[in-house]
N, C-alpha and C. Protein backbone atom coordinates (compact mmCIF):
# COMPACT_ATOMS: atom_id res chain seq x y z
N MET A 1 61.42 -29.97 -49.65
CA MET A 1 61.13 -29.75 -48.29
C MET A 1 62.09 -28.57 -47.51
N LYS A 2 63.47 -28.76 -48.32
CA LYS A 2 64.26 -27.68 -47.78
C LYS A 2 63.72 -26.21 -48.02
N HIS A 3 63.02 -25.96 -49.25
CA HIS A 3 62.63 -24.54 -49.68
C HIS A 3 61.43 -24.35 -48.63
N ILE A 4 60.78 -25.17 -48.40
CA ILE A 4 59.46 -25.06 -47.27
C ILE A 4 59.97 -24.62 -46.05
N LEU A 5 61.06 -25.42 -45.45
CA LEU A 5 61.70 -24.90 -44.30
C LEU A 5 62.37 -23.38 -44.28
N ILE A 6 63.01 -23.12 -45.30
CA ILE A 6 63.40 -21.80 -45.78
C ILE A 6 62.49 -20.59 -45.52
N ILE A 7 61.36 -20.92 -46.17
CA ILE A 7 60.22 -19.84 -46.21
C ILE A 7 59.43 -20.05 -44.91
N PHE A 8 59.37 -20.93 -44.17
CA PHE A 8 58.86 -20.80 -42.72
C PHE A 8 59.81 -19.96 -41.90
N SER A 9 61.16 -20.05 -42.02
CA SER A 9 62.23 -19.59 -41.39
C SER A 9 62.07 -18.13 -41.26
N LEU A 10 61.97 -17.54 -42.53
CA LEU A 10 62.00 -16.07 -43.08
C LEU A 10 60.72 -15.70 -42.23
N LEU A 11 59.49 -16.24 -42.45
CA LEU A 11 58.27 -15.81 -42.12
C LEU A 11 58.35 -15.59 -40.64
N PHE A 12 58.89 -16.42 -40.13
CA PHE A 12 58.88 -16.53 -38.57
C PHE A 12 59.90 -15.45 -37.92
N SER A 13 60.76 -15.20 -38.64
CA SER A 13 61.71 -14.16 -38.12
C SER A 13 61.21 -12.75 -38.51
N MET A 14 60.49 -12.77 -39.47
CA MET A 14 59.76 -11.63 -39.75
C MET A 14 58.82 -11.15 -38.81
N LEU A 15 58.07 -12.25 -38.34
CA LEU A 15 57.25 -12.18 -37.14
C LEU A 15 57.78 -11.69 -35.92
N LEU A 16 58.85 -12.09 -35.62
CA LEU A 16 59.60 -11.96 -34.33
C LEU A 16 60.43 -10.45 -34.49
N THR A 17 60.53 -9.78 -35.40
CA THR A 17 61.21 -8.57 -35.63
C THR A 17 60.18 -7.57 -36.14
N ALA A 18 59.01 -7.93 -36.00
CA ALA A 18 57.93 -6.95 -36.37
C ALA A 18 57.74 -5.92 -35.22
N GLN A 19 57.39 -4.64 -35.46
CA GLN A 19 57.14 -3.71 -34.60
C GLN A 19 56.52 -2.67 -34.95
N ALA A 20 55.97 -1.63 -33.93
CA ALA A 20 55.07 -0.39 -34.41
C ALA A 20 56.10 0.29 -35.29
N PRO A 21 55.29 1.10 -36.25
CA PRO A 21 56.13 1.89 -37.06
C PRO A 21 56.69 2.84 -36.03
N LYS A 22 58.02 3.64 -36.62
CA LYS A 22 58.51 4.67 -35.97
C LYS A 22 57.61 5.87 -36.27
N GLY A 23 57.67 6.92 -35.41
CA GLY A 23 57.07 8.25 -35.62
C GLY A 23 55.66 8.40 -35.15
N LYS A 24 55.08 9.50 -35.57
CA LYS A 24 53.64 9.61 -35.05
C LYS A 24 52.56 9.03 -36.08
N ALA A 25 51.49 8.72 -35.71
CA ALA A 25 50.33 8.33 -36.66
C ALA A 25 49.70 9.81 -37.09
N THR A 26 50.19 10.16 -38.44
CA THR A 26 49.66 11.60 -38.86
C THR A 26 48.60 11.44 -39.77
N VAL A 27 47.85 12.42 -39.88
CA VAL A 27 46.59 12.31 -40.83
C VAL A 27 46.95 11.88 -42.18
N GLY A 28 46.40 11.19 -42.87
CA GLY A 28 46.89 10.75 -44.39
C GLY A 28 47.72 9.41 -44.33
N THR A 29 48.12 8.83 -43.27
CA THR A 29 49.30 7.95 -43.19
C THR A 29 48.37 6.67 -43.27
N VAL A 30 48.63 5.81 -44.10
CA VAL A 30 48.06 4.35 -44.34
C VAL A 30 48.81 3.35 -43.72
N TYR A 31 48.56 2.61 -43.07
CA TYR A 31 49.25 1.13 -42.37
C TYR A 31 48.45 0.04 -43.04
N GLY A 32 49.10 -0.95 -43.53
CA GLY A 32 48.72 -2.17 -44.25
C GLY A 32 48.19 -1.70 -45.48
N GLN A 33 47.09 -2.59 -46.16
CA GLN A 33 46.59 -2.15 -47.63
C GLN A 33 46.05 -0.70 -47.75
N LYS A 34 46.34 -0.14 -48.99
CA LYS A 34 45.89 1.23 -49.14
C LYS A 34 44.54 1.12 -49.12
N ILE A 35 43.86 2.25 -48.41
CA ILE A 35 42.45 2.58 -48.47
C ILE A 35 42.28 4.06 -48.43
N ASP A 36 40.93 4.49 -48.66
CA ASP A 36 40.58 5.94 -48.28
C ASP A 36 39.40 5.87 -47.85
N GLU A 37 38.78 7.11 -47.46
CA GLU A 37 37.36 7.33 -46.55
C GLU A 37 36.22 7.08 -47.31
N VAL A 38 36.35 7.04 -48.82
CA VAL A 38 35.06 6.77 -49.33
C VAL A 38 34.24 5.47 -48.98
N GLY A 39 32.96 5.71 -48.72
CA GLY A 39 32.31 4.70 -48.49
C GLY A 39 32.29 4.29 -46.77
N ALA A 40 33.11 4.84 -46.22
CA ALA A 40 33.29 4.37 -44.76
C ALA A 40 32.03 4.79 -43.82
N MET A 41 31.56 3.89 -43.30
CA MET A 41 30.47 4.00 -42.35
C MET A 41 30.91 4.26 -40.88
N SER A 42 30.13 4.73 -40.10
CA SER A 42 30.23 4.85 -38.75
C SER A 42 30.40 3.36 -38.07
N SER A 43 31.27 3.15 -37.08
CA SER A 43 31.46 2.04 -36.19
C SER A 43 30.17 1.71 -35.65
N THR A 44 29.21 2.76 -35.50
CA THR A 44 27.97 2.70 -34.58
C THR A 44 27.07 1.76 -35.52
N ASP A 45 27.09 1.69 -36.55
CA ASP A 45 26.44 1.00 -37.67
C ASP A 45 26.70 -0.47 -37.71
N ILE A 46 27.71 -0.90 -37.31
CA ILE A 46 28.05 -2.41 -37.67
C ILE A 46 27.50 -3.41 -36.68
N TYR A 47 27.04 -2.90 -35.43
CA TYR A 47 26.34 -4.18 -34.49
C TYR A 47 25.16 -4.81 -35.24
N PRO A 48 24.45 -4.20 -35.79
CA PRO A 48 23.24 -4.93 -36.35
C PRO A 48 23.50 -5.78 -37.41
N MET A 49 24.67 -5.64 -38.05
CA MET A 49 25.12 -6.50 -39.24
C MET A 49 25.73 -7.77 -38.46
N ILE A 50 26.23 -7.77 -37.44
CA ILE A 50 26.87 -9.01 -36.80
C ILE A 50 26.35 -9.69 -35.44
N ALA A 51 25.30 -8.89 -35.20
CA ALA A 51 24.45 -9.43 -33.89
C ALA A 51 23.92 -10.55 -33.80
N ASN A 52 23.56 -11.15 -34.94
CA ASN A 52 23.19 -12.54 -35.22
C ASN A 52 24.27 -13.47 -35.24
N GLY A 53 25.50 -13.33 -35.09
CA GLY A 53 26.62 -14.19 -35.58
C GLY A 53 27.03 -14.23 -37.04
N ASP A 54 26.59 -13.14 -37.68
CA ASP A 54 27.04 -13.03 -39.01
C ASP A 54 28.45 -12.53 -38.96
N THR A 55 29.25 -12.72 -40.10
CA THR A 55 30.73 -12.09 -40.35
C THR A 55 30.38 -11.11 -41.43
N THR A 56 30.72 -9.95 -41.29
CA THR A 56 30.63 -8.80 -42.45
C THR A 56 31.93 -8.33 -42.90
N PHE A 57 32.05 -7.88 -44.20
CA PHE A 57 33.15 -7.06 -44.72
C PHE A 57 32.71 -5.81 -44.80
N VAL A 58 33.60 -4.89 -44.05
CA VAL A 58 33.04 -3.62 -44.26
C VAL A 58 34.27 -2.19 -43.93
N LYS A 59 33.80 -1.18 -44.19
CA LYS A 59 34.82 0.09 -44.05
C LYS A 59 34.10 0.78 -43.00
N ILE A 60 34.91 1.19 -41.97
CA ILE A 60 34.38 1.70 -40.80
C ILE A 60 35.24 3.20 -40.53
N LYS A 61 34.56 3.95 -39.87
CA LYS A 61 35.38 5.42 -39.56
C LYS A 61 35.09 5.28 -37.94
N THR A 62 36.27 5.52 -37.12
CA THR A 62 35.94 5.43 -35.75
C THR A 62 37.09 6.27 -35.05
N LYS A 63 36.84 6.30 -33.68
CA LYS A 63 37.86 7.02 -32.61
C LYS A 63 38.57 6.00 -32.08
N VAL A 64 39.96 5.88 -31.97
CA VAL A 64 40.75 4.92 -31.24
C VAL A 64 40.73 5.13 -30.04
N LEU A 65 40.14 4.09 -29.09
CA LEU A 65 40.13 4.26 -27.55
C LEU A 65 41.78 4.04 -27.06
N THR A 66 42.21 2.73 -27.29
CA THR A 66 43.40 2.40 -26.73
C THR A 66 44.24 1.49 -27.72
N SER A 67 45.41 1.27 -27.46
CA SER A 67 46.13 0.23 -28.62
C SER A 67 47.21 -0.54 -27.62
N CYS A 68 47.50 -1.49 -28.57
CA CYS A 68 48.75 -2.17 -28.00
C CYS A 68 49.70 -1.40 -27.68
N ALA A 69 50.30 -1.39 -26.28
CA ALA A 69 51.26 -0.52 -25.92
C ALA A 69 52.71 -1.24 -26.14
N SER A 70 52.72 -2.35 -26.74
CA SER A 70 54.06 -3.02 -26.95
C SER A 70 54.35 -2.82 -28.44
N GLU A 71 53.52 -3.22 -29.31
CA GLU A 71 54.05 -2.99 -30.60
C GLU A 71 52.79 -2.55 -31.67
N GLY A 72 51.83 -1.90 -31.16
CA GLY A 72 50.92 -1.63 -32.16
C GLY A 72 50.09 -2.62 -32.88
N CYS A 73 49.89 -3.97 -32.30
CA CYS A 73 49.37 -4.90 -33.19
C CYS A 73 47.71 -5.00 -32.97
N TRP A 74 47.19 -4.26 -32.15
CA TRP A 74 45.61 -4.14 -32.00
C TRP A 74 45.29 -2.79 -31.52
N LEU A 75 43.99 -2.30 -31.75
CA LEU A 75 43.61 -0.86 -30.88
C LEU A 75 42.08 -1.38 -30.49
N THR A 76 41.52 -0.53 -29.91
CA THR A 76 40.14 -0.71 -29.61
C THR A 76 39.32 0.40 -29.89
N PHE A 77 38.00 0.40 -30.02
CA PHE A 77 37.11 1.57 -30.37
C PHE A 77 35.48 1.02 -29.91
N PHE A 78 34.93 2.13 -29.79
CA PHE A 78 33.40 1.73 -29.31
C PHE A 78 32.52 1.70 -30.45
N VAL A 79 31.63 0.70 -30.53
CA VAL A 79 30.61 0.39 -31.57
C VAL A 79 29.28 1.19 -31.12
N ASN A 80 29.16 1.13 -29.69
CA ASN A 80 28.27 2.25 -29.15
C ASN A 80 28.65 2.97 -28.03
N ASP A 81 27.89 3.53 -27.34
CA ASP A 81 28.38 4.05 -26.04
C ASP A 81 28.93 3.40 -25.07
N SER A 82 28.61 1.95 -24.92
CA SER A 82 29.00 1.21 -23.93
C SER A 82 29.38 -0.15 -24.35
N LEU A 83 29.71 -0.24 -25.68
CA LEU A 83 30.39 -1.60 -26.44
C LEU A 83 31.37 -1.61 -26.85
N PRO A 84 32.60 -1.72 -26.45
CA PRO A 84 33.92 -1.60 -27.22
C PRO A 84 33.99 -2.90 -27.98
N ALA A 85 34.96 -2.85 -28.99
CA ALA A 85 35.22 -3.75 -29.97
C ALA A 85 36.90 -3.43 -30.06
N ILE A 86 37.64 -4.81 -30.49
CA ILE A 86 39.02 -4.96 -30.72
C ILE A 86 39.18 -5.11 -32.28
N ALA A 87 40.14 -4.29 -32.61
CA ALA A 87 40.76 -4.31 -34.15
C ALA A 87 42.13 -4.90 -34.14
N LYS A 88 42.34 -5.96 -34.73
CA LYS A 88 43.53 -6.79 -34.94
C LYS A 88 44.06 -6.70 -36.23
N MET A 89 45.31 -6.47 -36.56
CA MET A 89 46.00 -6.04 -37.61
C MET A 89 45.83 -7.50 -38.55
N LYS A 90 45.41 -7.80 -39.65
CA LYS A 90 45.29 -8.85 -40.26
C LYS A 90 46.89 -9.78 -40.58
N ASP A 91 46.73 -10.92 -40.06
CA ASP A 91 47.75 -11.59 -40.21
C ASP A 91 48.91 -11.06 -39.63
N HIS A 92 48.94 -10.07 -38.64
CA HIS A 92 50.12 -9.23 -38.00
C HIS A 92 50.94 -8.87 -39.17
N ALA A 93 50.43 -8.61 -40.31
CA ALA A 93 51.30 -8.14 -41.45
C ALA A 93 51.74 -6.81 -41.18
N PHE A 94 51.04 -6.04 -40.24
CA PHE A 94 51.42 -4.45 -40.07
C PHE A 94 51.01 -3.97 -38.84
N PHE A 95 51.61 -3.19 -38.10
CA PHE A 95 51.14 -2.66 -37.12
C PHE A 95 50.95 -1.06 -37.14
N VAL A 96 50.34 -0.41 -36.19
CA VAL A 96 50.02 0.94 -36.03
C VAL A 96 51.03 1.56 -34.97
N PRO A 97 51.30 2.89 -35.33
CA PRO A 97 52.01 3.66 -34.21
C PRO A 97 51.27 3.60 -32.89
N LEU A 98 52.27 3.58 -31.90
CA LEU A 98 51.69 3.68 -30.42
C LEU A 98 51.23 4.89 -30.25
N ASP A 99 51.32 5.88 -30.91
CA ASP A 99 50.31 7.18 -30.35
C ASP A 99 49.05 7.27 -31.18
N ILE A 100 48.51 6.24 -31.83
CA ILE A 100 47.26 6.21 -32.39
C ILE A 100 46.16 6.61 -31.45
N GLN A 101 46.23 6.19 -30.27
CA GLN A 101 45.19 6.42 -29.26
C GLN A 101 44.51 7.85 -29.41
N GLY A 102 42.97 7.74 -29.56
CA GLY A 102 42.50 9.20 -29.45
C GLY A 102 42.30 9.79 -31.07
N LYS A 103 42.96 9.22 -32.05
CA LYS A 103 43.11 9.77 -33.45
C LYS A 103 41.81 8.91 -34.13
N THR A 104 41.00 9.42 -34.94
CA THR A 104 40.07 9.10 -35.80
C THR A 104 40.80 8.25 -36.95
N VAL A 105 40.19 7.04 -37.16
CA VAL A 105 40.72 6.30 -38.38
C VAL A 105 39.75 5.62 -39.12
N VAL A 106 39.86 5.53 -40.29
CA VAL A 106 39.14 4.39 -41.28
C VAL A 106 39.99 3.19 -41.33
N MET A 107 39.16 2.08 -41.23
CA MET A 107 39.76 0.60 -41.24
C MET A 107 38.71 -0.08 -42.29
N ASP A 108 39.59 -0.91 -43.05
CA ASP A 108 38.79 -1.57 -43.77
C ASP A 108 39.06 -3.27 -43.63
N GLY A 109 37.83 -4.22 -43.43
CA GLY A 109 38.34 -5.31 -42.90
C GLY A 109 36.94 -6.01 -42.60
N LYS A 110 37.23 -7.40 -41.92
CA LYS A 110 36.02 -8.29 -41.65
C LYS A 110 35.85 -8.24 -40.15
N CYS A 111 34.60 -8.04 -39.88
CA CYS A 111 34.13 -7.99 -38.44
C CYS A 111 32.84 -9.26 -38.08
N TYR A 112 33.21 -9.47 -36.82
CA TYR A 112 32.33 -10.57 -36.24
C TYR A 112 32.32 -10.56 -34.81
N MET A 113 31.49 -11.49 -34.09
CA MET A 113 31.57 -11.59 -32.77
C MET A 113 32.22 -13.00 -32.34
N LYS A 114 32.88 -13.19 -31.16
CA LYS A 114 33.53 -14.01 -31.07
C LYS A 114 33.61 -14.25 -29.27
N ILE A 115 33.80 -15.42 -28.80
CA ILE A 115 34.00 -15.44 -27.26
C ILE A 115 35.53 -15.70 -27.21
N THR A 116 36.07 -14.61 -26.86
CA THR A 116 37.63 -14.58 -26.26
C THR A 116 38.01 -15.10 -25.01
N SER A 117 39.15 -16.20 -25.32
CA SER A 117 39.09 -16.80 -24.03
C SER A 117 40.03 -16.07 -22.85
N VAL A 118 40.07 -16.59 -21.61
CA VAL A 118 40.96 -16.08 -20.72
C VAL A 118 42.11 -15.65 -20.66
N LYS A 119 42.70 -16.86 -21.44
CA LYS A 119 44.23 -16.71 -21.80
C LYS A 119 44.46 -15.48 -22.85
N GLU A 120 43.55 -15.37 -23.85
CA GLU A 120 43.86 -14.32 -24.68
C GLU A 120 43.55 -12.91 -24.11
N LEU A 121 42.38 -12.77 -23.39
CA LEU A 121 42.40 -11.56 -22.65
C LEU A 121 43.35 -10.98 -21.67
N LYS A 122 43.80 -12.25 -21.08
CA LYS A 122 45.04 -11.81 -20.29
C LYS A 122 46.29 -11.38 -20.85
N HIS A 123 46.45 -11.86 -22.06
CA HIS A 123 47.31 -11.64 -23.04
C HIS A 123 47.09 -9.99 -23.45
N LEU A 124 46.17 -9.78 -24.06
CA LEU A 124 45.61 -8.47 -24.28
C LEU A 124 45.94 -7.33 -23.28
N ALA A 125 45.53 -7.82 -21.89
CA ALA A 125 45.82 -7.00 -20.96
C ALA A 125 47.38 -6.59 -20.66
N GLU A 126 48.01 -7.82 -20.95
CA GLU A 126 49.64 -7.53 -20.41
C GLU A 126 50.22 -6.79 -21.58
N ASP A 127 49.71 -6.79 -23.21
CA ASP A 127 49.95 -5.76 -24.07
C ASP A 127 49.82 -4.38 -23.74
N ALA A 128 48.63 -4.25 -23.14
CA ALA A 128 48.06 -3.00 -22.81
C ALA A 128 48.93 -2.31 -21.58
N LYS A 129 49.65 -3.37 -21.00
CA LYS A 129 50.69 -2.87 -19.89
C LYS A 129 49.65 -2.46 -18.51
N LYS A 130 48.53 -3.53 -18.31
CA LYS A 130 47.62 -3.55 -17.21
C LYS A 130 48.59 -3.90 -16.10
N SER A 131 48.07 -3.54 -14.74
CA SER A 131 48.73 -4.12 -13.54
C SER A 131 48.73 -5.67 -13.41
N LYS A 132 49.24 -5.96 -12.58
CA LYS A 132 48.95 -7.66 -12.29
C LYS A 132 47.79 -7.96 -11.84
N LYS A 133 47.47 -6.82 -10.82
CA LYS A 133 46.18 -6.85 -10.11
C LYS A 133 44.95 -7.00 -11.07
N GLU A 134 45.00 -6.38 -12.12
CA GLU A 134 43.88 -6.26 -13.33
C GLU A 134 44.01 -7.41 -13.93
N ILE A 135 44.83 -7.87 -14.40
CA ILE A 135 45.44 -9.30 -15.26
C ILE A 135 44.77 -10.28 -14.42
N ASP A 136 45.17 -10.51 -13.28
CA ASP A 136 44.76 -11.66 -12.37
C ASP A 136 43.31 -11.65 -12.30
N ALA A 137 42.64 -10.36 -12.16
CA ALA A 137 41.11 -10.23 -12.18
C ALA A 137 40.21 -10.91 -13.42
N ILE A 138 40.93 -11.08 -14.38
CA ILE A 138 40.27 -11.59 -15.49
C ILE A 138 40.10 -13.25 -15.42
N THR A 139 38.88 -13.53 -15.13
CA THR A 139 38.80 -15.02 -14.94
C THR A 139 37.59 -15.69 -15.58
N GLN A 140 36.92 -14.86 -16.54
CA GLN A 140 35.94 -15.29 -17.44
C GLN A 140 36.16 -15.15 -18.89
N PRO A 141 35.76 -15.89 -19.81
CA PRO A 141 35.83 -15.54 -21.21
C PRO A 141 34.86 -14.48 -21.41
N LYS A 142 34.92 -13.75 -22.50
CA LYS A 142 34.24 -12.55 -22.76
C LYS A 142 33.60 -12.41 -24.23
N LYS A 143 32.47 -12.22 -24.67
CA LYS A 143 32.24 -11.82 -25.91
C LYS A 143 32.36 -10.68 -26.33
N GLN A 144 33.00 -10.74 -27.45
CA GLN A 144 33.72 -9.60 -27.89
C GLN A 144 33.34 -9.31 -29.31
N ILE A 145 33.24 -8.02 -30.01
CA ILE A 145 33.24 -7.66 -31.34
C ILE A 145 34.64 -7.58 -31.75
N VAL A 146 35.21 -8.39 -32.97
CA VAL A 146 36.40 -8.25 -33.43
C VAL A 146 36.60 -7.76 -35.00
N PHE A 147 37.22 -6.96 -35.06
CA PHE A 147 37.62 -6.27 -36.36
C PHE A 147 38.73 -6.91 -36.95
N VAL A 148 39.11 -7.52 -38.05
CA VAL A 148 40.37 -7.78 -38.51
C VAL A 148 40.65 -6.81 -39.61
N ALA A 149 41.36 -5.81 -39.36
CA ALA A 149 41.76 -4.78 -40.33
C ALA A 149 42.87 -5.37 -41.31
N SER A 150 42.33 -4.99 -42.53
CA SER A 150 43.58 -4.98 -43.60
C SER A 150 44.07 -3.80 -43.99
N GLY A 151 43.46 -2.69 -43.58
CA GLY A 151 44.16 -1.35 -43.86
C GLY A 151 43.82 -0.53 -42.86
N VAL A 152 44.58 0.58 -42.24
CA VAL A 152 44.13 1.47 -41.32
C VAL A 152 44.69 2.78 -42.02
N LEU A 153 43.68 3.96 -42.04
CA LEU A 153 44.04 5.26 -42.53
C LEU A 153 43.83 6.25 -41.53
N VAL A 154 44.64 7.05 -41.11
CA VAL A 154 44.48 8.06 -40.08
C VAL A 154 43.82 9.23 -40.85
N VAL A 155 42.57 9.61 -40.40
CA VAL A 155 41.87 10.70 -40.76
C VAL A 155 41.64 12.09 -39.99
N ARG A 156 42.04 11.93 -38.83
CA ARG A 156 41.85 13.05 -37.87
C ARG A 156 42.69 13.05 -36.88
N PRO A 157 43.29 13.94 -36.25
CA PRO A 157 44.27 13.91 -35.11
C PRO A 157 43.17 13.75 -33.68
N ASP A 158 43.99 13.86 -32.76
CA ASP A 158 43.22 13.76 -31.38
C ASP A 158 41.97 14.89 -31.39
């Protein structure tokens, strides 16, 4: 029992001290599990794969719209011209630099649709440093495309 408590304490302290990597998101840099561009599909191709509620494991190439302004624990991208998606880093095991916005990345991971609660949407808005007015305006859950990234590779600058 003592060993279990020690392990949980270490894991909890790692989560509390995790932060965005120092420096800039430069081309060729990998965050999380090592990946490459080979076999990456466009993010515009994933919607038909998950539209019926399916979960798919896929490698995508996409441009980052926004990212968590606090610690780099998530980023957003477009699946099509009007449908944004959110990518979260698997198990919060790694983060991406805060300047990743606008860069093209390849991500490997799991993708699915989910209903995101008002509480989580407000938390994400706080992470994005939205105004109190914008946060207070969030009153309904939202259907979202979620990508859980096991690895992120920067492939092109802004």
